[in-house]
Amino acid sequence: MLPIILTVVNDDDGDFVEKIYIEYEHQLYLIAMKYLHDHEEAQDCVHEVVATLIYSIDKFKLARDKGYLDKLIPVVGRNCALNALRIKRRRNKYEQPLVVFDYEEGEYVEMEIPDYSSSVEEIYISEENCDNLHKLVNKLDEKYRDIVILKSMGAETKMIAQIMNISEALVRKRYSRARAQLLKMGGKDLYV
């Protein structure tokens, strides 16, 4: 936890984060365990709350000054635990182990199957594919092309929304439509 707290530049902010961590760590852990039922995931959740605290330190200081920090910290912890639980359930919903009988061992064992599924981001990059992809992207309408280019440069949805002065939901929708158009225009040929 210390490396995370050390990222705080101001000593006053560092002391504030450390005090909150010491005071609420056990309570946050118990809240996370209530939902997650896993020691490591509960610890991760506590650390995520501290990271959120560091990221939004001004809001938490304001809550302290107004006297509702004691109510805010458990709510943030609960929301973090619920998000982790949601992600865990979604992941487990699609992960189904294949069980086979191992005759040498005389018992059933779980068989791991690698995931070879592809997406637009996992296209095999060769000079020919780059040229073809570049031509396809240039055929897109400007509002879609800009988002694809910014995404390929590693920009996050929030940043793209700010740059283009549109909502994050619209960025996600346009990116999804651009990917669909790329596949429709011949992007399927780019997959290995």
C-alpha atoms as a PDB file:
ATOM      1  CA  MET A   1       0.000   0.000   0.000  1.00  0.00           C
ATOM      2  CA  LEU A   2       2.944   2.284   0.705  1.00  0.00           C
ATOM      3  CA  PRO A   3       3.904   2.696  -3.000  1.00  0.00           C
ATOM      4  CA  ILE A   4       0.393   3.894  -3.771  1.00  0.00           C
ATOM      5  CA  ILE A   5       0.440   6.399  -0.914  1.00  0.00           C
ATOM      6  CA  LEU A   6       3.892   7.610  -1.989  1.00  0.00           C
ATOM      7  CA  THR A   7       2.436   8.696  -5.344  1.00  0.00           C
ATOM      8  CA  VAL A   8       0.742  11.567  -3.530  1.00  0.00           C
ATOM      9  CA  VAL A   9       2.883  14.646  -4.126  1.00  0.00           C
ATOM     10  CA  ASN A  10       1.846  16.818  -1.183  1.00  0.00           C
ATOM     11  CA  ASP A  11       2.867  15.683   2.335  1.00  0.00           C
ATOM     12  CA  ASP A  12      -0.460  16.926   3.725  1.00  0.00           C
ATOM     13  CA  ASP A  13      -2.325  14.806   1.162  1.00  0.00           C
ATOM     14  CA  GLY A  14      -0.096  11.825   1.937  1.00  0.00           C
ATOM     15  CA  ASP A  15      -0.854  12.128   5.646  1.00  0.00           C
ATOM     16  CA  PHE A  16      -4.577  12.415   4.870  1.00  0.00           C
ATOM     17  CA  VAL A  17      -4.543   9.255   2.698  1.00  0.00           C
ATOM     18  CA  GLU A  18      -2.466   7.340   5.247  1.00  0.00           C
ATOM     19  CA  LYS A  19      -4.819   8.337   8.080  1.00  0.00           C
ATOM     20  CA  ILE A  20      -7.862   7.240   6.068  1.00  0.00           C
ATOM     21  CA  TYR A  21      -6.174   3.947   5.168  1.00  0.00           C
ATOM     22  CA  ILE A  22      -5.260   3.174   8.779  1.00  0.00           C
ATOM     23  CA  GLU A  23      -8.672   4.194  10.109  1.00  0.00           C
ATOM     24  CA  TYR A  24     -10.890   2.478   7.506  1.00  0.00           C
ATOM     25  CA  GLU A  25      -8.823  -0.459   6.228  1.00  0.00           C
ATOM     26  CA  HIS A  26     -10.504  -3.072   8.411  1.00  0.00           C
ATOM     27  CA  GLN A  27     -14.019  -1.758   7.754  1.00  0.00           C
ATOM     28  CA  LEU A  28     -13.408  -1.659   3.984  1.00  0.00           C
ATOM     29  CA  TYR A  29     -11.986  -5.177   4.089  1.00  0.00           C
ATOM     30  CA  LEU A  30     -15.064  -6.490   5.906  1.00  0.00           C
ATOM     31  CA  ILE A  31     -17.390  -4.785   3.436  1.00  0.00           C
ATOM     32  CA  ALA A  32     -15.490  -6.304   0.505  1.00  0.00           C
ATOM     33  CA  MET A  33     -15.474  -9.775   2.107  1.00  0.00           C
ATOM     34  CA  LYS A  34     -19.241  -9.562   2.580  1.00  0.00           C
ATOM     35  CA  TYR A  35     -19.693  -9.426  -1.196  1.00  0.00           C
ATOM     36  CA  LEU A  36     -16.633 -11.153  -2.637  1.00  0.00           C
ATOM     37  CA  HIS A  37     -15.924 -13.982  -0.148  1.00  0.00           C
ATOM     38  CA  ASP A  38     -12.264 -13.999  -1.207  1.00  0.00           C
ATOM     39  CA  HIS A  39      -9.328 -12.642   0.802  1.00  0.00           C
ATOM     40  CA  GLU A  40      -7.183 -11.464  -2.137  1.00  0.00           C
ATOM     41  CA  GLU A  41     -10.083  -9.843  -3.979  1.00  0.00           C
ATOM     42  CA  ALA A  42     -11.142  -8.055  -0.791  1.00  0.00           C
ATOM     43  CA  GLN A  43      -7.616  -6.713  -0.333  1.00  0.00           C
ATOM     44  CA  ASP A  44      -7.563  -5.583  -3.966  1.00  0.00           C
ATOM     45  CA  CYS A  45     -10.850  -3.782  -3.361  1.00  0.00           C
ATOM     46  CA  VAL A  46      -9.424  -1.949  -0.331  1.00  0.00           C
ATOM     47  CA  HIS A  47      -6.435  -0.853  -2.419  1.00  0.00           C
ATOM     48  CA  GLU A  48      -8.721   0.286  -5.207  1.00  0.00           C
ATOM     49  CA  VAL A  49     -10.632   2.455  -2.731  1.00  0.00           C
ATOM     50  CA  VAL A  50      -7.337   4.038  -1.652  1.00  0.00           C
ATOM     51  CA  ALA A  51      -6.420   4.621  -5.304  1.00  0.00           C
ATOM     52  CA  THR A  52      -9.823   6.268  -5.806  1.00  0.00           C
ATOM     53  CA  LEU A  53      -9.168   8.368  -2.726  1.00  0.00           C
ATOM     54  CA  ILE A  54      -5.838   9.538  -4.155  1.00  0.00           C
ATOM     55  CA  TYR A  55      -7.344  10.227  -7.569  1.00  0.00           C
ATOM     56  CA  SER A  56     -10.206  12.297  -6.086  1.00  0.00           C
ATOM     57  CA  ILE A  57      -8.504  13.597  -2.957  1.00  0.00           C
ATOM     58  CA  ASP A  58     -10.096  17.049  -3.151  1.00  0.00           C
ATOM     59  CA  LYS A  59     -13.593  15.552  -3.061  1.00  0.00           C
ATOM     60  CA  PHE A  60     -12.722  13.404  -0.051  1.00  0.00           C
ATOM     61  CA  LYS A  61     -11.204  16.380   1.773  1.00  0.00           C
ATOM     62  CA  LEU A  62     -14.373  18.336   1.091  1.00  0.00           C
ATOM     63  CA  ALA A  63     -16.379  15.423   2.523  1.00  0.00           C
ATOM     64  CA  ARG A  64     -14.155  15.483   5.616  1.00  0.00           C
ATOM     65  CA  ASP A  65     -14.663  19.235   6.001  1.00  0.00           C
ATOM     66  CA  LYS A  66     -18.447  18.899   5.645  1.00  0.00           C
ATOM     67  CA  GLY A  67     -18.527  15.970   8.098  1.00  0.00           C
ATOM     68  CA  TYR A  68     -19.742  13.116   5.928  1.00  0.00           C
ATOM     69  CA  LEU A  69     -16.468  11.294   5.252  1.00  0.00           C
ATOM     70  CA  ASP A  70     -17.491   8.535   7.707  1.00  0.00           C
ATOM     71  CA  LYS A  71     -20.494   7.816   5.482  1.00  0.00           C
ATOM     72  CA  LEU A  72     -18.720   8.251   2.149  1.00  0.00           C
ATOM     73  CA  ILE A  73     -15.829   5.806   2.649  1.00  0.00           C
ATOM     74  CA  PRO A  74     -18.055   2.736   3.286  1.00  0.00           C
ATOM     75  CA  VAL A  75     -20.227   3.634   0.273  1.00  0.00           C
ATOM     76  CA  VAL A  76     -17.158   3.846  -1.958  1.00  0.00           C
ATOM     77  CA  GLY A  77     -15.967   0.513  -0.529  1.00  0.00           C
ATOM     78  CA  ARG A  78     -19.322  -1.124  -1.161  1.00  0.00           C
ATOM     79  CA  ASN A  79     -19.464   0.189  -4.729  1.00  0.00           C
ATOM     80  CA  CYS A  80     -15.949  -1.082  -5.383  1.00  0.00           C
ATOM     81  CA  ALA A  81     -16.877  -4.521  -4.035  1.00  0.00           C
ATOM     82  CA  LEU A  82     -20.061  -4.628  -6.110  1.00  0.00           C
ATOM     83  CA  ASN A  83     -18.119  -3.679  -9.259  1.00  0.00           C
ATOM     84  CA  ALA A  84     -15.570  -6.408  -8.555  1.00  0.00           C
ATOM     85  CA  LEU A  85     -18.398  -8.903  -7.981  1.00  0.00           C
ATOM     86  CA  ARG A  86     -20.087  -7.877 -11.221  1.00  0.00           C
ATOM     87  CA  ILE A  87     -16.837  -8.371 -13.153  1.00  0.00           C
ATOM     88  CA  LYS A  88     -16.250 -11.718 -11.438  1.00  0.00           C
ATOM     89  CA  ARG A  89     -19.735 -12.967 -12.313  1.00  0.00           C
ATOM     90  CA  ARG A  90     -19.451 -11.794 -15.914  1.00  0.00           C
ATOM     91  CA  ARG A  91     -16.082 -13.508 -16.277  1.00  0.00           C
ATOM     92  CA  ASN A  92     -17.311 -16.751 -14.696  1.00  0.00           C
ATOM     93  CA  LYS A  93     -20.446 -16.762 -16.852  1.00  0.00           C
ATOM     94  CA  TYR A  94     -18.394 -17.267 -20.005  1.00  0.00           C
ATOM     95  CA  GLU A  95     -15.632 -19.428 -18.562  1.00  0.00           C
ATOM     96  CA  GLN A  96     -16.667 -23.049 -18.505  1.00  0.00           C
ATOM     97  CA  PRO A  97     -13.934 -25.575 -17.884  1.00  0.00           C
ATOM     98  CA  LEU A  98     -13.748 -28.670 -20.020  1.00  0.00           C
ATOM     99  CA  VAL A  99     -13.385 -31.720 -17.837  1.00  0.00           C
ATOM    100  CA  VAL A 100     -11.825 -34.849 -19.327  1.00  0.00           C
ATOM    101  CA  PHE A 101     -10.911 -38.182 -17.841  1.00  0.00           C
ATOM    102  CA  ASP A 102      -7.157 -38.740 -17.502  1.00  0.00           C
ATOM    103  CA  TYR A 103      -6.618 -42.491 -17.804  1.00  0.00           C
ATOM    104  CA  GLU A 104      -3.049 -42.336 -16.483  1.00  0.00           C
ATOM    105  CA  GLU A 105      -4.100 -40.578 -13.284  1.00  0.00           C
ATOM    106  CA  GLY A 106      -7.476 -42.287 -13.113  1.00  0.00           C
ATOM    107  CA  GLU A 107      -9.344 -39.070 -12.387  1.00  0.00           C
ATOM    108  CA  TYR A 108     -11.125 -36.196 -14.060  1.00  0.00           C
ATOM    109  CA  VAL A 109      -8.972 -33.148 -14.787  1.00  0.00           C
ATOM    110  CA  GLU A 110      -9.737 -29.704 -16.100  1.00  0.00           C
ATOM    111  CA  MET A 111      -8.478 -29.095 -19.624  1.00  0.00           C
ATOM    112  CA  GLU A 112      -7.418 -25.607 -20.599  1.00  0.00           C
ATOM    113  CA  ILE A 113      -8.303 -24.426 -24.084  1.00  0.00           C
ATOM    114  CA  PRO A 114      -6.498 -21.359 -25.420  1.00  0.00           C
ATOM    115  CA  ASP A 115      -8.634 -18.509 -26.750  1.00  0.00           C
ATOM    116  CA  TYR A 116      -7.957 -17.902 -30.427  1.00  0.00           C
ATOM    117  CA  SER A 117     -10.824 -15.489 -30.972  1.00  0.00           C
ATOM    118  CA  SER A 118      -9.993 -12.307 -32.834  1.00  0.00           C
ATOM    119  CA  SER A 119     -11.078  -8.710 -32.745  1.00  0.00           C
ATOM    120  CA  VAL A 120     -10.254  -5.687 -34.837  1.00  0.00           C
ATOM    121  CA  GLU A 121      -7.486  -4.815 -32.374  1.00  0.00           C
ATOM    122  CA  GLU A 122      -5.829  -8.245 -32.784  1.00  0.00           C
ATOM    123  CA  ILE A 123      -5.279  -8.115 -36.523  1.00  0.00           C
ATOM    124  CA  TYR A 124      -2.055  -9.621 -37.730  1.00  0.00           C
ATOM    125  CA  ILE A 125       0.136  -6.679 -38.589  1.00  0.00           C
ATOM    126  CA  SER A 126       2.067  -6.958 -41.809  1.00  0.00           C
ATOM    127  CA  GLU A 127       2.910  -4.300 -44.347  1.00  0.00           C
ATOM    128  CA  GLU A 128       0.138  -5.458 -46.640  1.00  0.00           C
ATOM    129  CA  ASN A 129      -2.414  -5.538 -43.827  1.00  0.00           C
ATOM    130  CA  CYS A 130      -1.326  -2.090 -42.633  1.00  0.00           C
ATOM    131  CA  ASP A 131      -1.776  -0.679 -46.123  1.00  0.00           C
ATOM    132  CA  ASN A 132      -5.163  -2.343 -46.541  1.00  0.00           C
ATOM    133  CA  LEU A 133      -6.320  -1.233 -43.107  1.00  0.00           C
ATOM    134  CA  HIS A 134      -5.124   2.311 -43.795  1.00  0.00           C
ATOM    135  CA  LYS A 135      -7.144   2.383 -47.039  1.00  0.00           C
ATOM    136  CA  LEU A 136     -10.232   1.071 -45.252  1.00  0.00           C
ATOM    137  CA  VAL A 137      -9.934   3.603 -42.433  1.00  0.00           C
ATOM    138  CA  ASN A 138      -9.578   6.420 -44.978  1.00  0.00           C
ATOM    139  CA  LYS A 139     -12.854   5.305 -46.577  1.00  0.00           C
ATOM    140  CA  LEU A 140     -14.702   5.841 -43.293  1.00  0.00           C
ATOM    141  CA  ASP A 141     -16.730   8.963 -42.675  1.00  0.00           C
ATOM    142  CA  GLU A 142     -14.673  11.636 -40.881  1.00  0.00           C
ATOM    143  CA  LYS A 143     -16.539  11.311 -37.565  1.00  0.00           C
ATOM    144  CA  TYR A 144     -15.737   7.572 -37.456  1.00  0.00           C
ATOM    145  CA  ARG A 145     -12.221   7.881 -38.888  1.00  0.00           C
ATOM    146  CA  ASP A 146     -11.112  10.357 -36.213  1.00  0.00           C
ATOM    147  CA  ILE A 147     -12.246   8.070 -33.406  1.00  0.00           C
ATOM    148  CA  VAL A 148     -10.527   5.017 -34.928  1.00  0.00           C
ATOM    149  CA  ILE A 149      -7.291   6.959 -35.365  1.00  0.00           C
ATOM    150  CA  LEU A 150      -7.392   8.306 -31.814  1.00  0.00           C
ATOM    151  CA  LYS A 151      -8.158   4.841 -30.431  1.00  0.00           C
ATOM    152  CA  SER A 152      -5.260   3.342 -32.407  1.00  0.00           C
ATOM    153  CA  MET A 153      -2.991   5.946 -30.808  1.00  0.00           C
ATOM    154  CA  GLY A 154      -4.069   4.672 -27.374  1.00  0.00           C
ATOM    155  CA  ALA A 155      -6.462   7.451 -26.395  1.00  0.00           C
ATOM    156  CA  GLU A 156      -9.092   6.565 -23.826  1.00  0.00           C
ATOM    157  CA  THR A 157     -12.804   7.089 -24.488  1.00  0.00           C
ATOM    158  CA  LYS A 158     -12.965   9.959 -21.997  1.00  0.00           C
ATOM    159  CA  MET A 159     -10.082  11.777 -23.681  1.00  0.00           C
ATOM    160  CA  ILE A 160     -11.585  11.301 -27.143  1.00  0.00           C
ATOM    161  CA  ALA A 161     -14.903  12.680 -25.897  1.00  0.00           C
ATOM    162  CA  GLN A 162     -13.140  15.776 -24.589  1.00  0.00           C
ATOM    163  CA  ILE A 163     -11.118  16.241 -27.778  1.00  0.00           C
ATOM    164  CA  MET A 164     -14.121  15.870 -30.061  1.00  0.00           C
ATOM    165  CA  ASN A 165     -16.503  17.662 -27.679  1.00  0.00           C
ATOM    166  CA  ILE A 166     -19.034  14.806 -27.663  1.00  0.00           C
ATOM    167  CA  SER A 167     -20.277  12.416 -24.976  1.00  0.00           C
ATOM    168  CA  GLU A 168     -18.421   9.235 -24.026  1.00  0.00           C
ATOM    169  CA  ALA A 169     -21.467   7.186 -25.011  1.00  0.00           C
ATOM    170  CA  LEU A 170     -21.365   8.684 -28.500  1.00  0.00           C
ATOM    171  CA  VAL A 171     -17.645   7.895 -28.777  1.00  0.00           C
ATOM    172  CA  ARG A 172     -18.294   4.245 -27.879  1.00  0.00           C
ATOM    173  CA  LYS A 173     -21.227   4.065 -30.321  1.00  0.00           C
ATOM    174  CA  ARG A 174     -19.250   5.605 -33.193  1.00  0.00           C
ATOM    175  CA  TYR A 175     -16.264   3.350 -32.513  1.00  0.00           C
ATOM    176  CA  SER A 176     -18.511   0.303 -32.561  1.00  0.00           C
ATOM    177  CA  ARG A 177     -20.092   1.422 -35.829  1.00  0.00           C
ATOM    178  CA  ALA A 178     -16.662   2.150 -37.326  1.00  0.00           C
ATOM    179  CA  ARG A 179     -15.459  -1.355 -36.443  1.00  0.00           C
ATOM    180  CA  ALA A 180     -18.577  -2.848 -38.014  1.00  0.00           C
ATOM    181  CA  GLN A 181     -18.054  -0.798 -41.176  1.00  0.00           C
ATOM    182  CA  LEU A 182     -14.392  -1.848 -41.364  1.00  0.00           C
ATOM    183  CA  LEU A 183     -15.387  -5.493 -41.163  1.00  0.00           C
ATOM    184  CA  LYS A 184     -18.121  -4.989 -43.736  1.00  0.00           C
ATOM    185  CA  MET A 185     -15.767  -3.206 -46.177  1.00  0.00           C
ATOM    186  CA  GLY A 186     -13.312  -6.089 -46.172  1.00  0.00           C
ATOM    187  CA  GLY A 187     -11.726  -6.094 -42.765  1.00  0.00           C
ATOM    188  CA  LYS A 188     -12.455  -9.819 -42.448  1.00  0.00           C
ATOM    189  CA  ASP A 189      -9.677 -10.444 -44.963  1.00  0.00           C
ATOM    190  CA  LEU A 190      -7.167  -8.924 -42.535  1.00  0.00           C
ATOM    191  CA  TYR A 191      -7.596 -11.679 -39.963  1.00  0.00           C
ATOM    192  CA  VAL A 192      -5.108 -14.514 -39.869  1.00  0.00           C
END
